[in-house]
C-alpha atoms as a PDB file:
ATOM      1  CA  MET A   1     107.691 102.188 115.598  1.00  0.00           C
ATOM      2  CA  LYS A   2     110.730 104.025 116.157  1.00  0.00           C
ATOM      3  CA  ILE A   3     111.315 107.367 114.371  1.00  0.00           C
ATOM      4  CA  ALA A   4     113.695 109.461 114.336  1.00  0.00           C
ATOM      5  CA  ILE A   5     113.654 112.712 112.257  1.00  0.00           C
ATOM      6  CA  LEU A   6     116.404 114.400 111.444  1.00  0.00           C
ATOM      7  CA  ASN A   7     116.143 118.020 110.105  1.00  0.00           C
ATOM      8  CA  GLY A   8     119.548 119.094 108.888  1.00  0.00           C
ATOM      9  CA  SER A   9     118.228 123.216 108.742  1.00  0.00           C
ATOM     10  CA  PRO A  10     120.114 125.452 110.620  1.00  0.00           C
ATOM     11  CA  ARG A  11     116.423 128.088 111.405  1.00  0.00           C
ATOM     12  CA  LYS A  12     113.594 127.049 112.038  1.00  0.00           C
ATOM     13  CA  GLY A  13     111.303 127.231 108.727  1.00  0.00           C
ATOM     14  CA  ASN A  14     109.357 125.009 106.717  1.00  0.00           C
ATOM     15  CA  THR A  15     112.184 122.146 107.164  1.00  0.00           C
ATOM     16  CA  ALA A  16     111.018 122.682 110.778  1.00  0.00           C
ATOM     17  CA  ALA A  17     107.734 122.800 110.134  1.00  0.00           C
ATOM     18  CA  MET A  18     107.199 119.859 107.986  1.00  0.00           C
ATOM     19  CA  ALA A  19     109.047 117.620 110.769  1.00  0.00           C
ATOM     20  CA  ASP A  20     106.740 118.416 113.323  1.00  0.00           C
ATOM     21  CA  ALA A  21     103.586 117.889 111.430  1.00  0.00           C
ATOM     22  CA  PHE A  22     104.949 114.442 110.240  1.00  0.00           C
ATOM     23  CA  ALA A  23     106.131 113.597 114.280  1.00  0.00           C
ATOM     24  CA  LYS A  24     102.357 114.766 114.949  1.00  0.00           C
ATOM     25  CA  ASP A  25     100.875 112.120 113.045  1.00  0.00           C
ATOM     26  CA  ALA A  26     102.565 109.262 113.414  1.00  0.00           C
ATOM     27  CA  ALA A  27     102.517 110.081 116.622  1.00  0.00           C
ATOM     28  CA  GLU A  28      98.937 109.999 117.031  1.00  0.00           C
ATOM     29  CA  ALA A  29      99.266 106.982 114.530  1.00  0.00           C
ATOM     30  CA  GLY A  30     100.601 105.839 117.739  1.00  0.00           C
ATOM     31  CA  HIS A  31     103.916 105.041 116.775  1.00  0.00           C
ATOM     32  CA  GLU A  32     107.627 106.810 119.580  1.00  0.00           C
ATOM     33  CA  VAL A  33     109.033 109.687 116.868  1.00  0.00           C
ATOM     34  CA  GLU A  34     112.120 111.790 117.862  1.00  0.00           C
ATOM     35  CA  ILE A  35     113.126 114.933 116.604  1.00  0.00           C
ATOM     36  CA  LEU A  36     116.730 115.532 116.207  1.00  0.00           C
ATOM     37  CA  HIS A  37     117.944 119.060 114.806  1.00  0.00           C
ATOM     38  CA  VAL A  38     121.499 118.721 114.090  1.00  0.00           C
ATOM     39  CA  GLY A  39     121.516 121.422 111.745  1.00  0.00           C
ATOM     40  CA  GLN A  40     122.316 123.440 114.524  1.00  0.00           C
ATOM     41  CA  ASN A  41     124.870 121.244 116.356  1.00  0.00           C
ATOM     42  CA  VAL A  42     128.862 121.738 114.765  1.00  0.00           C
ATOM     43  CA  ILE A  43     129.459 117.983 114.542  1.00  0.00           C
ATOM     44  CA  LYS A  44     133.499 117.810 113.891  1.00  0.00           C
ATOM     45  CA  HIS A  45     133.684 113.767 114.143  1.00  0.00           C
ATOM     46  CA  GLY A  46     136.293 112.354 111.074  1.00  0.00           C
ATOM     47  CA  PHE A  47     136.389 115.775 109.834  1.00  0.00           C
ATOM     48  CA  ARG A  48     139.212 118.559 110.121  1.00  0.00           C
ATOM     49  CA  ASP A  49     139.059 122.221 110.713  1.00  0.00           C
ATOM     50  CA  ARG A  50     140.059 124.202 108.311  1.00  0.00           C
END
């Protein structure tokens, strides 16, 4: 199974640690895992800058 983990936190704290732990266990169980750190990106599609 393919699993995508979306981490929306801009910091590397508890949320990143939880995502890493989940990804590690899922990968050990044979799943394909990717963590996307979206909190560090500026998303402009569909929104106006103010």
